[in-house]
Amino acid sequence: MDMNLLRYFMSKNGDKQSDLAKAIQLPQSALSERMNGKVSFRQTEMNAIRKRYCLSADEMLAIFFAQ
């Protein structure tokens, strides 16, 4: 995962972690666990993030499936 890229899109859209957590209906602590790599994002969460930030397929791959 490339969480720096996700943080970039969050910042670009004026979101803090708490804003994104609310938007994808997760407790902030659960989003933090995902962003820190302790827990994997679910497909529904990835799709919600994609819609929120209008991400392309390549951007999604770069964020969630980067090595």
PDB file of N, CA and C in Angstrom:
ATOM      1  N   MET A   1       0.844  -1.182   0.000  1.00  0.00           N
ATOM      2  CA  MET A   1       0.000   0.000   0.000  1.00  0.00           C
ATOM      3  C   MET A   1       0.888   1.243   0.000  1.00  0.00           C
ATOM      4  N   ASP A   2       0.408   2.262  -0.656  1.00  0.00           N
ATOM      5  CA  ASP A   2       1.103   3.551  -0.668  1.00  0.00           C
ATOM      6  C   ASP A   2       0.218   4.567   0.045  1.00  0.00           C
ATOM      7  N   MET A   3       0.335   4.598   1.358  1.00  0.00           N
ATOM      8  CA  MET A   3      -0.509   5.493   2.149  1.00  0.00           C
ATOM      9  C   MET A   3      -0.123   6.950   1.972  1.00  0.00           C
ATOM     10  N   ASN A   4       1.121   7.209   1.535  1.00  0.00           N
ATOM     11  CA  ASN A   4       1.488   8.595   1.244  1.00  0.00           C
ATOM     12  C   ASN A   4       0.661   9.126   0.080  1.00  0.00           C
ATOM     13  N   LEU A   5       0.392   8.267  -0.884  1.00  0.00           N
ATOM     14  CA  LEU A   5      -0.438   8.678  -2.025  1.00  0.00           C
ATOM     15  C   LEU A   5      -1.874   8.915  -1.576  1.00  0.00           C
ATOM     16  N   LEU A   6      -2.389   8.064  -0.709  1.00  0.00           N
ATOM     17  CA  LEU A   6      -3.739   8.292  -0.173  1.00  0.00           C
ATOM     18  C   LEU A   6      -3.764   9.600   0.600  1.00  0.00           C
ATOM     19  N   ARG A   7      -2.754   9.836   1.412  1.00  0.00           N
ATOM     20  CA  ARG A   7      -2.686  11.099   2.172  1.00  0.00           C
ATOM     21  C   ARG A   7      -2.622  12.299   1.236  1.00  0.00           C
ATOM     22  N   TYR A   8      -1.946  12.140   0.094  1.00  0.00           N
ATOM     23  CA  TYR A   8      -1.896  13.203  -0.902  1.00  0.00           C
ATOM     24  C   TYR A   8      -3.303  13.547  -1.401  1.00  0.00           C
ATOM     25  N   PHE A   9      -4.077  12.532  -1.754  1.00  0.00           N
ATOM     26  CA  PHE A   9      -5.435  12.778  -2.245  1.00  0.00           C
ATOM     27  C   PHE A   9      -6.320  13.356  -1.143  1.00  0.00           C
ATOM     28  N   MET A  10      -6.116  12.903   0.077  1.00  0.00           N
ATOM     29  CA  MET A  10      -6.866  13.470   1.198  1.00  0.00           C
ATOM     30  C   MET A  10      -6.563  14.962   1.315  1.00  0.00           C
ATOM     31  N   SER A  11      -5.290  15.307   1.303  1.00  0.00           N
ATOM     32  CA  SER A  11      -4.867  16.697   1.433  1.00  0.00           C
ATOM     33  C   SER A  11      -5.360  17.547   0.264  1.00  0.00           C
ATOM     34  N   LYS A  12      -5.250  16.994  -0.924  1.00  0.00           N
ATOM     35  CA  LYS A  12      -5.691  17.692  -2.143  1.00  0.00           C
ATOM     36  C   LYS A  12      -7.176  18.057  -2.066  1.00  0.00           C
ATOM     37  N   ASN A  13      -7.936  17.221  -1.368  1.00  0.00           N
ATOM     38  CA  ASN A  13      -9.372  17.437  -1.246  1.00  0.00           C
ATOM     39  C   ASN A  13      -9.763  18.070   0.091  1.00  0.00           C
ATOM     40  N   GLY A  14      -8.764  18.494   0.860  1.00  0.00           N
ATOM     41  CA  GLY A  14      -9.035  19.179   2.113  1.00  0.00           C
ATOM     42  C   GLY A  14      -9.537  18.286   3.227  1.00  0.00           C
ATOM     43  N   ASP A  15      -9.276  16.996   3.124  1.00  0.00           N
ATOM     44  CA  ASP A  15      -9.746  16.043   4.127  1.00  0.00           C
ATOM     45  C   ASP A  15      -8.674  15.754   5.173  1.00  0.00           C
ATOM     46  N   LYS A  16      -9.118  15.606   6.388  1.00  0.00           N
ATOM     47  CA  LYS A  16      -8.290  15.049   7.456  1.00  0.00           C
ATOM     48  C   LYS A  16      -8.706  13.587   7.587  1.00  0.00           C
ATOM     49  N   GLN A  17      -7.975  12.858   8.371  1.00  0.00           N
ATOM     50  CA  GLN A  17      -8.302  11.447   8.560  1.00  0.00           C
ATOM     51  C   GLN A  17      -9.712  11.289   9.122  1.00  0.00           C
ATOM     52  N   SER A  18     -10.099  12.178  10.006  1.00  0.00           N
ATOM     53  CA  SER A  18     -11.441  12.096  10.589  1.00  0.00           C
ATOM     54  C   SER A  18     -12.525  12.324   9.534  1.00  0.00           C
ATOM     55  N   ASP A  19     -12.255  13.188   8.552  1.00  0.00           N
ATOM     56  CA  ASP A  19     -13.219  13.436   7.471  1.00  0.00           C
ATOM     57  C   ASP A  19     -13.411  12.193   6.618  1.00  0.00           C
ATOM     58  N   LEU A  20     -12.293  11.556   6.269  1.00  0.00           N
ATOM     59  CA  LEU A  20     -12.390  10.353   5.448  1.00  0.00           C
ATOM     60  C   LEU A  20     -13.075   9.234   6.215  1.00  0.00           C
ATOM     61  N   ALA A  21     -12.731   9.076   7.485  1.00  0.00           N
ATOM     62  CA  ALA A  21     -13.359   8.025   8.295  1.00  0.00           C
ATOM     63  C   ALA A  21     -14.870   8.191   8.308  1.00  0.00           C
ATOM     64  N   LYS A  22     -15.322   9.402   8.510  1.00  0.00           N
ATOM     65  CA  LYS A  22     -16.761   9.670   8.536  1.00  0.00           C
ATOM     66  C   LYS A  22     -17.386   9.378   7.169  1.00  0.00           C
ATOM     67  N   ALA A  23     -16.702   9.785   6.113  1.00  0.00           N
ATOM     68  CA  ALA A  23     -17.235   9.616   4.757  1.00  0.00           C
ATOM     69  C   ALA A  23     -17.394   8.147   4.381  1.00  0.00           C
ATOM     70  N   ILE A  24     -16.480   7.299   4.863  1.00  0.00           N
ATOM     71  CA  ILE A  24     -16.577   5.878   4.497  1.00  0.00           C
ATOM     72  C   ILE A  24     -17.162   5.052   5.639  1.00  0.00           C
ATOM     73  N   GLN A  25     -17.704   5.746   6.607  1.00  0.00           N
ATOM     74  CA  GLN A  25     -18.459   5.135   7.710  1.00  0.00           C
ATOM     75  C   GLN A  25     -17.623   4.145   8.516  1.00  0.00           C
ATOM     76  N   LEU A  26     -16.445   4.617   8.932  1.00  0.00           N
ATOM     77  CA  LEU A  26     -15.573   3.832   9.801  1.00  0.00           C
ATOM     78  C   LEU A  26     -15.233   4.674  11.027  1.00  0.00           C
ATOM     79  N   PRO A  27     -15.060   4.045  12.155  1.00  0.00           N
ATOM     80  CA  PRO A  27     -14.499   4.792  13.286  1.00  0.00           C
ATOM     81  C   PRO A  27     -13.090   5.260  12.908  1.00  0.00           C
ATOM     82  N   GLN A  28     -12.694   6.393  13.418  1.00  0.00           N
ATOM     83  CA  GLN A  28     -11.380   6.925  13.079  1.00  0.00           C
ATOM     84  C   GLN A  28     -10.273   5.951  13.455  1.00  0.00           C
ATOM     85  N   SER A  29     -10.440   5.243  14.564  1.00  0.00           N
ATOM     86  CA  SER A  29      -9.419   4.271  14.986  1.00  0.00           C
ATOM     87  C   SER A  29      -9.291   3.134  13.968  1.00  0.00           C
ATOM     88  N   ALA A  30     -10.404   2.712  13.377  1.00  0.00           N
ATOM     89  CA  ALA A  30     -10.374   1.643  12.374  1.00  0.00           C
ATOM     90  C   ALA A  30      -9.679   2.114  11.101  1.00  0.00           C
ATOM     91  N   LEU A  31      -9.927   3.356  10.703  1.00  0.00           N
ATOM     92  CA  LEU A  31      -9.238   3.896   9.525  1.00  0.00           C
ATOM     93  C   LEU A  31      -7.744   3.996   9.803  1.00  0.00           C
ATOM     94  N   SER A  32      -7.389   4.418  10.988  1.00  0.00           N
ATOM     95  CA  SER A  32      -5.983   4.518  11.361  1.00  0.00           C
ATOM     96  C   SER A  32      -5.286   3.157  11.278  1.00  0.00           C
ATOM     97  N   GLU A  33      -5.944   2.117  11.751  1.00  0.00           N
ATOM     98  CA  GLU A  33      -5.378   0.770  11.658  1.00  0.00           C
ATOM     99  C   GLU A  33      -5.143   0.367  10.207  1.00  0.00           C
ATOM    100  N   ARG A  34      -6.064   0.718   9.345  1.00  0.00           N
ATOM    101  CA  ARG A  34      -5.928   0.382   7.931  1.00  0.00           C
ATOM    102  C   ARG A  34      -4.785   1.182   7.296  1.00  0.00           C
ATOM    103  N   MET A  35      -4.732   2.466   7.609  1.00  0.00           N
ATOM    104  CA  MET A  35      -3.699   3.314   7.013  1.00  0.00           C
ATOM    105  C   MET A  35      -2.306   2.958   7.531  1.00  0.00           C
ATOM    106  N   ASN A  36      -2.224   2.377   8.704  1.00  0.00           N
ATOM    107  CA  ASN A  36      -0.940   1.958   9.263  1.00  0.00           C
ATOM    108  C   ASN A  36      -0.585   0.521   8.907  1.00  0.00           C
ATOM    109  N   GLY A  37      -1.421  -0.121   8.084  1.00  0.00           N
ATOM    110  CA  GLY A  37      -1.128  -1.459   7.596  1.00  0.00           C
ATOM    111  C   GLY A  37      -1.395  -2.581   8.575  1.00  0.00           C
ATOM    112  N   LYS A  38      -2.070  -2.294   9.670  1.00  0.00           N
ATOM    113  CA  LYS A  38      -2.380  -3.331  10.656  1.00  0.00           C
ATOM    114  C   LYS A  38      -3.568  -4.180  10.219  1.00  0.00           C
ATOM    115  N   VAL A  39      -4.474  -3.570   9.466  1.00  0.00           N
ATOM    116  CA  VAL A  39      -5.683  -4.230   8.963  1.00  0.00           C
ATOM    117  C   VAL A  39      -5.823  -3.843   7.495  1.00  0.00           C
ATOM    118  N   SER A  40      -6.262  -4.771   6.674  1.00  0.00           N
ATOM    119  CA  SER A  40      -6.455  -4.481   5.245  1.00  0.00           C
ATOM    120  C   SER A  40      -7.758  -3.741   5.005  1.00  0.00           C
ATOM    121  N   PHE A  41      -7.751  -2.875   3.995  1.00  0.00           N
ATOM    122  CA  PHE A  41      -8.972  -2.220   3.573  1.00  0.00           C
ATOM    123  C   PHE A  41      -9.895  -3.250   2.939  1.00  0.00           C
ATOM    124  N   ARG A  42     -11.168  -3.120   3.178  1.00  0.00           N
ATOM    125  CA  ARG A  42     -12.171  -3.964   2.522  1.00  0.00           C
ATOM    126  C   ARG A  42     -12.484  -3.369   1.156  1.00  0.00           C
ATOM    127  N   GLN A  43     -13.001  -4.195   0.271  1.00  0.00           N
ATOM    128  CA  GLN A  43     -13.343  -3.742  -1.075  1.00  0.00           C
ATOM    129  C   GLN A  43     -14.334  -2.581  -1.033  1.00  0.00           C
ATOM    130  N   THR A  44     -15.333  -2.657  -0.167  1.00  0.00           N
ATOM    131  CA  THR A  44     -16.323  -1.582  -0.078  1.00  0.00           C
ATOM    132  C   THR A  44     -15.683  -0.269   0.372  1.00  0.00           C
ATOM    133  N   GLU A  45     -14.694  -0.361   1.252  1.00  0.00           N
ATOM    134  CA  GLU A  45     -13.996   0.841   1.721  1.00  0.00           C
ATOM    135  C   GLU A  45     -13.145   1.442   0.609  1.00  0.00           C
ATOM    136  N   MET A  46     -12.469   0.577  -0.141  1.00  0.00           N
ATOM    137  CA  MET A  46     -11.666   1.057  -1.268  1.00  0.00           C
ATOM    138  C   MET A  46     -12.556   1.736  -2.304  1.00  0.00           C
ATOM    139  N   ASN A  47     -13.709   1.143  -2.575  1.00  0.00           N
ATOM    140  CA  ASN A  47     -14.637   1.745  -3.543  1.00  0.00           C
ATOM    141  C   ASN A  47     -15.159   3.086  -3.055  1.00  0.00           C
ATOM    142  N   ALA A  48     -15.431   3.197  -1.765  1.00  0.00           N
ATOM    143  CA  ALA A  48     -15.909   4.461  -1.211  1.00  0.00           C
ATOM    144  C   ALA A  48     -14.833   5.539  -1.325  1.00  0.00           C
ATOM    145  N   ILE A  49     -13.586   5.161  -1.088  1.00  0.00           N
ATOM    146  CA  ILE A  49     -12.478   6.111  -1.228  1.00  0.00           C
ATOM    147  C   ILE A  49     -12.320   6.507  -2.688  1.00  0.00           C
ATOM    148  N   ARG A  50     -12.440   5.538  -3.586  1.00  0.00           N
ATOM    149  CA  ARG A  50     -12.333   5.825  -5.022  1.00  0.00           C
ATOM    150  C   ARG A  50     -13.382   6.845  -5.458  1.00  0.00           C
ATOM    151  N   LYS A  51     -14.606   6.649  -5.014  1.00  0.00           N
ATOM    152  CA  LYS A  51     -15.676   7.576  -5.375  1.00  0.00           C
ATOM    153  C   LYS A  51     -15.457   8.950  -4.763  1.00  0.00           C
ATOM    154  N   ARG A  52     -15.038   8.978  -3.499  1.00  0.00           N
ATOM    155  CA  ARG A  52     -14.856  10.261  -2.812  1.00  0.00           C
ATOM    156  C   ARG A  52     -13.816  11.129  -3.515  1.00  0.00           C
ATOM    157  N   TYR A  53     -12.735  10.517  -3.961  1.00  0.00           N
ATOM    158  CA  TYR A  53     -11.647  11.280  -4.565  1.00  0.00           C
ATOM    159  C   TYR A  53     -11.582  11.151  -6.085  1.00  0.00           C
ATOM    160  N   CYS A  54     -12.584  10.528  -6.689  1.00  0.00           N
ATOM    161  CA  CYS A  54     -12.654  10.358  -8.153  1.00  0.00           C
ATOM    162  C   CYS A  54     -11.350   9.765  -8.694  1.00  0.00           C
ATOM    163  N   LEU A  55     -10.919   8.674  -8.083  1.00  0.00           N
ATOM    164  CA  LEU A  55      -9.658   8.052  -8.458  1.00  0.00           C
ATOM    165  C   LEU A  55      -9.803   7.191  -9.703  1.00  0.00           C
ATOM    166  N   SER A  56      -8.776   7.206 -10.511  1.00  0.00           N
ATOM    167  CA  SER A  56      -8.740   6.333 -11.685  1.00  0.00           C
ATOM    168  C   SER A  56      -8.350   4.924 -11.233  1.00  0.00           C
ATOM    169  N   ALA A  57      -8.483   3.980 -12.133  1.00  0.00           N
ATOM    170  CA  ALA A  57      -8.089   2.604 -11.825  1.00  0.00           C
ATOM    171  C   ALA A  57      -6.597   2.533 -11.509  1.00  0.00           C
ATOM    172  N   ASP A  58      -5.782   3.280 -12.247  1.00  0.00           N
ATOM    173  CA  ASP A  58      -4.341   3.286 -11.996  1.00  0.00           C
ATOM    174  C   ASP A  58      -4.014   3.874 -10.625  1.00  0.00           C
ATOM    175  N   GLU A  59      -4.723   4.920 -10.235  1.00  0.00           N
ATOM    176  CA  GLU A  59      -4.506   5.516  -8.916  1.00  0.00           C
ATOM    177  C   GLU A  59      -4.903   4.546  -7.809  1.00  0.00           C
ATOM    178  N   MET A  60      -5.998   3.824  -8.026  1.00  0.00           N
ATOM    179  CA  MET A  60      -6.421   2.820  -7.050  1.00  0.00           C
ATOM    180  C   MET A  60      -5.350   1.737  -6.894  1.00  0.00           C
ATOM    181  N   LEU A  61      -4.842   1.268  -8.007  1.00  0.00           N
ATOM    182  CA  LEU A  61      -3.798   0.238  -7.955  1.00  0.00           C
ATOM    183  C   LEU A  61      -2.553   0.769  -7.235  1.00  0.00           C
ATOM    184  N   ALA A  62      -2.188   2.000  -7.522  1.00  0.00           N
ATOM    185  CA  ALA A  62      -1.001   2.596  -6.914  1.00  0.00           C
ATOM    186  C   ALA A  62      -1.166   2.734  -5.399  1.00  0.00           C
ATOM    187  N   ILE A  63      -2.353   3.060  -4.941  1.00  0.00           N
ATOM    188  CA  ILE A  63      -2.585   3.239  -3.512  1.00  0.00           C
ATOM    189  C   ILE A  63      -2.682   1.896  -2.804  1.00  0.00           C
ATOM    190  N   PHE A  64      -3.562   1.047  -3.248  1.00  0.00           N
ATOM    191  CA  PHE A  64      -3.915  -0.146  -2.486  1.00  0.00           C
ATOM    192  C   PHE A  64      -3.139  -1.409  -2.839  1.00  0.00           C
ATOM    193  N   PHE A  65      -2.498  -1.429  -3.997  1.00  0.00           N
ATOM    194  CA  PHE A  65      -1.837  -2.652  -4.403  1.00  0.00           C
ATOM    195  C   PHE A  65      -0.362  -2.459  -4.739  1.00  0.00           C
ATOM    196  N   ALA A  66       0.212  -1.342  -4.321  1.00  0.00           N
ATOM    197  CA  ALA A  66       1.641  -1.088  -4.534  1.00  0.00           C
ATOM    198  C   ALA A  66       2.451  -2.018  -3.650  1.00  0.00           C
ATOM    199  N   GLN A  67       3.592  -2.407  -4.133  1.00  0.00           N
ATOM    200  CA  GLN A  67       4.483  -3.291  -3.358  1.00  0.00           C
ATOM    201  C   GLN A  67       5.422  -2.470  -2.514  1.00  0.00           C
TER     202      GLN A  67
END
